[in-house]
């Protein structure tokens, strides 16, 4: 069952169309329908609100504008925070040599020549 914060993949006409994050799910005026706000993960970001039944959010296909649409849950946010890592005092950190024994170099993503 998809919920707020989940990452979903939206299929249109049986073709993956875009990823989105479910921002909110709230009741609509019509009984058993919900206003589902999705943050479409594209550039620029787009936020849309669709009025859907719960089963549509949970992966049952439906039609919108005459096109078949399916919302597939991809990943849910973690339910509990990861365990705390043990902190090592700064003086006790052992320096590891690079794999090839040389110092690493920084390569800029911009102005590459």
C-alpha atoms as a PDB file:
ATOM      1  CA  UNK A   1       0.000   0.000   0.000  1.00  0.00           C
ATOM      2  CA  UNK A   2       1.558   3.291  -1.118  1.00  0.00           C
ATOM      3  CA  UNK A   3       1.704   6.126   1.415  1.00  0.00           C
ATOM      4  CA  UNK A   4       3.016   9.663   1.811  1.00  0.00           C
ATOM      5  CA  UNK A   5       6.735   9.851   1.157  1.00  0.00           C
ATOM      6  CA  UNK A   6       6.807   6.777  -1.086  1.00  0.00           C
ATOM      7  CA  UNK A   7       8.585   6.836  -4.427  1.00  0.00           C
ATOM      8  CA  UNK A   8       6.360   5.626  -7.279  1.00  0.00           C
ATOM      9  CA  UNK A   9       6.755   4.933 -10.977  1.00  0.00           C
ATOM     10  CA  UNK A  10       3.806   6.087 -13.078  1.00  0.00           C
ATOM     11  CA  UNK A  11       3.071   4.069 -16.230  1.00  0.00           C
ATOM     12  CA  UNK A  12       1.006   5.571 -19.056  1.00  0.00           C
ATOM     13  CA  UNK A  13      -0.317   3.171 -21.701  1.00  0.00           C
ATOM     14  CA  UNK A  14       1.839   0.350 -20.244  1.00  0.00           C
ATOM     15  CA  UNK A  15       5.029   2.427 -20.657  1.00  0.00           C
ATOM     16  CA  UNK A  16       7.006   3.838 -17.704  1.00  0.00           C
ATOM     17  CA  UNK A  17       6.462   7.612 -17.909  1.00  0.00           C
ATOM     18  CA  UNK A  18       7.931   9.246 -14.783  1.00  0.00           C
ATOM     19  CA  UNK A  19       8.963   8.829 -11.169  1.00  0.00           C
ATOM     20  CA  UNK A  20       7.177  10.794  -8.457  1.00  0.00           C
ATOM     21  CA  UNK A  21       7.075  11.097  -4.693  1.00  0.00           C
ATOM     22  CA  UNK A  22       3.710  11.020  -2.947  1.00  0.00           C
ATOM     23  CA  UNK A  23       3.582  14.319  -1.071  1.00  0.00           C
ATOM     24  CA  UNK A  24       0.147  13.978   0.497  1.00  0.00           C
ATOM     25  CA  UNK A  25      -3.022  11.900   0.468  1.00  0.00           C
ATOM     26  CA  UNK A  26      -6.125  13.643   1.771  1.00  0.00           C
ATOM     27  CA  UNK A  27      -9.864  13.110   1.536  1.00  0.00           C
ATOM     28  CA  UNK A  28     -11.818  14.495  -1.395  1.00  0.00           C
ATOM     29  CA  UNK A  29     -15.414  15.779  -1.345  1.00  0.00           C
ATOM     30  CA  UNK A  30     -16.571  12.552  -3.011  1.00  0.00           C
ATOM     31  CA  UNK A  31     -16.766   9.642  -0.558  1.00  0.00           C
ATOM     32  CA  UNK A  32     -14.011   7.013  -0.971  1.00  0.00           C
ATOM     33  CA  UNK A  33     -11.945   9.307  -3.222  1.00  0.00           C
ATOM     34  CA  UNK A  34      -8.684  11.037  -2.245  1.00  0.00           C
ATOM     35  CA  UNK A  35      -6.680  14.040  -3.394  1.00  0.00           C
ATOM     36  CA  UNK A  36      -3.213  12.650  -4.051  1.00  0.00           C
ATOM     37  CA  UNK A  37      -0.445  15.198  -4.515  1.00  0.00           C
ATOM     38  CA  UNK A  38       2.590  13.921  -6.437  1.00  0.00           C
ATOM     39  CA  UNK A  39       5.955  15.629  -6.835  1.00  0.00           C
ATOM     40  CA  UNK A  40       6.971  14.642 -10.358  1.00  0.00           C
ATOM     41  CA  UNK A  41      10.723  14.080 -10.354  1.00  0.00           C
ATOM     42  CA  UNK A  42      11.776  15.887 -13.486  1.00  0.00           C
ATOM     43  CA  UNK A  43      13.527  19.147 -14.285  1.00  0.00           C
ATOM     44  CA  UNK A  44      11.889  21.447 -13.406  1.00  0.00           C
ATOM     45  CA  UNK A  45      10.025  19.764 -10.544  1.00  0.00           C
ATOM     46  CA  UNK A  46       6.258  19.688 -11.026  1.00  0.00           C
ATOM     47  CA  UNK A  47       3.617  19.102  -8.387  1.00  0.00           C
ATOM     48  CA  UNK A  48       0.266  17.634  -9.480  1.00  0.00           C
ATOM     49  CA  UNK A  49      -2.850  16.659  -7.564  1.00  0.00           C
ATOM     50  CA  UNK A  50      -4.956  13.782  -8.841  1.00  0.00           C
ATOM     51  CA  UNK A  51      -8.304  12.680  -7.403  1.00  0.00           C
ATOM     52  CA  UNK A  52      -8.053   8.889  -7.045  1.00  0.00           C
ATOM     53  CA  UNK A  53      -9.509   5.925  -5.212  1.00  0.00           C
ATOM     54  CA  UNK A  54      -7.241   4.152  -2.702  1.00  0.00           C
ATOM     55  CA  UNK A  55      -6.931   1.077  -4.945  1.00  0.00           C
ATOM     56  CA  UNK A  56      -5.490   3.255  -7.741  1.00  0.00           C
ATOM     57  CA  UNK A  57      -2.758   4.494  -5.396  1.00  0.00           C
ATOM     58  CA  UNK A  58      -2.143   0.855  -4.440  1.00  0.00           C
ATOM     59  CA  UNK A  59      -1.424  -0.270  -8.028  1.00  0.00           C
ATOM     60  CA  UNK A  60      -4.752  -0.987  -9.731  1.00  0.00           C
ATOM     61  CA  UNK A  61      -4.785   0.500 -13.240  1.00  0.00           C
ATOM     62  CA  UNK A  62      -7.247   3.245 -14.127  1.00  0.00           C
ATOM     63  CA  UNK A  63      -7.875   5.574 -17.040  1.00  0.00           C
ATOM     64  CA  UNK A  64      -7.237   9.293 -17.172  1.00  0.00           C
ATOM     65  CA  UNK A  65      -8.142  11.263 -20.267  1.00  0.00           C
ATOM     66  CA  UNK A  66      -8.759   7.982 -22.101  1.00  0.00           C
ATOM     67  CA  UNK A  67      -5.260   6.674 -21.333  1.00  0.00           C
ATOM     68  CA  UNK A  68      -4.424   3.705 -19.126  1.00  0.00           C
ATOM     69  CA  UNK A  69      -2.446   4.769 -16.031  1.00  0.00           C
ATOM     70  CA  UNK A  70      -0.820   2.624 -13.345  1.00  0.00           C
ATOM     71  CA  UNK A  71       0.973   3.779 -10.182  1.00  0.00           C
ATOM     72  CA  UNK A  72       3.649   1.310  -9.055  1.00  0.00           C
ATOM     73  CA  UNK A  73       5.268   1.679  -5.638  1.00  0.00           C
ATOM     74  CA  UNK A  74       9.050   1.614  -6.043  1.00  0.00           C
ATOM     75  CA  UNK A  75      10.427   2.406  -2.620  1.00  0.00           C
ATOM     76  CA  UNK A  76       9.014   3.351   0.747  1.00  0.00           C
ATOM     77  CA  UNK A  77      10.913   5.605   3.140  1.00  0.00           C
ATOM     78  CA  UNK A  78      12.607   3.797   6.021  1.00  0.00           C
ATOM     79  CA  UNK A  79      10.220   3.145   8.896  1.00  0.00           C
ATOM     80  CA  UNK A  80      12.881   3.614  11.571  1.00  0.00           C
ATOM     81  CA  UNK A  81      16.152   5.541  11.550  1.00  0.00           C
ATOM     82  CA  UNK A  82      19.318   3.560  10.841  1.00  0.00           C
ATOM     83  CA  UNK A  83      21.359   2.561  13.905  1.00  0.00           C
ATOM     84  CA  UNK A  84      23.900   5.076  15.151  1.00  0.00           C
ATOM     85  CA  UNK A  85      27.463   4.411  14.058  1.00  0.00           C
ATOM     86  CA  UNK A  86      30.118   4.212  16.695  1.00  0.00           C
ATOM     87  CA  UNK A  87      32.203   7.380  16.647  1.00  0.00           C
ATOM     88  CA  UNK A  88      35.984   7.012  16.647  1.00  0.00           C
ATOM     89  CA  UNK A  89      37.964   9.779  18.372  1.00  0.00           C
ATOM     90  CA  UNK A  90      39.712  11.946  15.772  1.00  0.00           C
ATOM     91  CA  UNK A  91      43.247  11.011  16.863  1.00  0.00           C
ATOM     92  CA  UNK A  92      42.502   7.308  16.450  1.00  0.00           C
ATOM     93  CA  UNK A  93      41.414   7.421  12.814  1.00  0.00           C
ATOM     94  CA  UNK A  94      43.823   5.406  10.756  1.00  0.00           C
ATOM     95  CA  UNK A  95      44.731   6.944   7.401  1.00  0.00           C
ATOM     96  CA  UNK A  96      44.245   4.507   4.545  1.00  0.00           C
ATOM     97  CA  UNK A  97      46.457   4.743   1.457  1.00  0.00           C
ATOM     98  CA  UNK A  98      44.752   5.034  -1.907  1.00  0.00           C
ATOM     99  CA  UNK A  99      44.344   1.841  -3.890  1.00  0.00           C
ATOM    100  CA  UNK A 100      47.222   2.630  -6.243  1.00  0.00           C
ATOM    101  CA  UNK A 101      49.367   4.178  -3.491  1.00  0.00           C
ATOM    102  CA  UNK A 102      49.068   7.682  -4.968  1.00  0.00           C
ATOM    103  CA  UNK A 103      47.181  10.679  -3.726  1.00  0.00           C
ATOM    104  CA  UNK A 104      43.753  11.134  -5.278  1.00  0.00           C
ATOM    105  CA  UNK A 105      43.005  14.055  -7.529  1.00  0.00           C
ATOM    106  CA  UNK A 106      39.884  16.160  -7.864  1.00  0.00           C
ATOM    107  CA  UNK A 107      38.277  16.242 -11.276  1.00  0.00           C
ATOM    108  CA  UNK A 108      35.911  19.133 -11.918  1.00  0.00           C
ATOM    109  CA  UNK A 109      32.561  18.428 -13.549  1.00  0.00           C
ATOM    110  CA  UNK A 110      32.773  21.788 -15.258  1.00  0.00           C
ATOM    111  CA  UNK A 111      35.379  23.180 -17.637  1.00  0.00           C
ATOM    112  CA  UNK A 112      36.741  19.716 -18.413  1.00  0.00           C
ATOM    113  CA  UNK A 113      39.496  19.758 -21.028  1.00  0.00           C
END
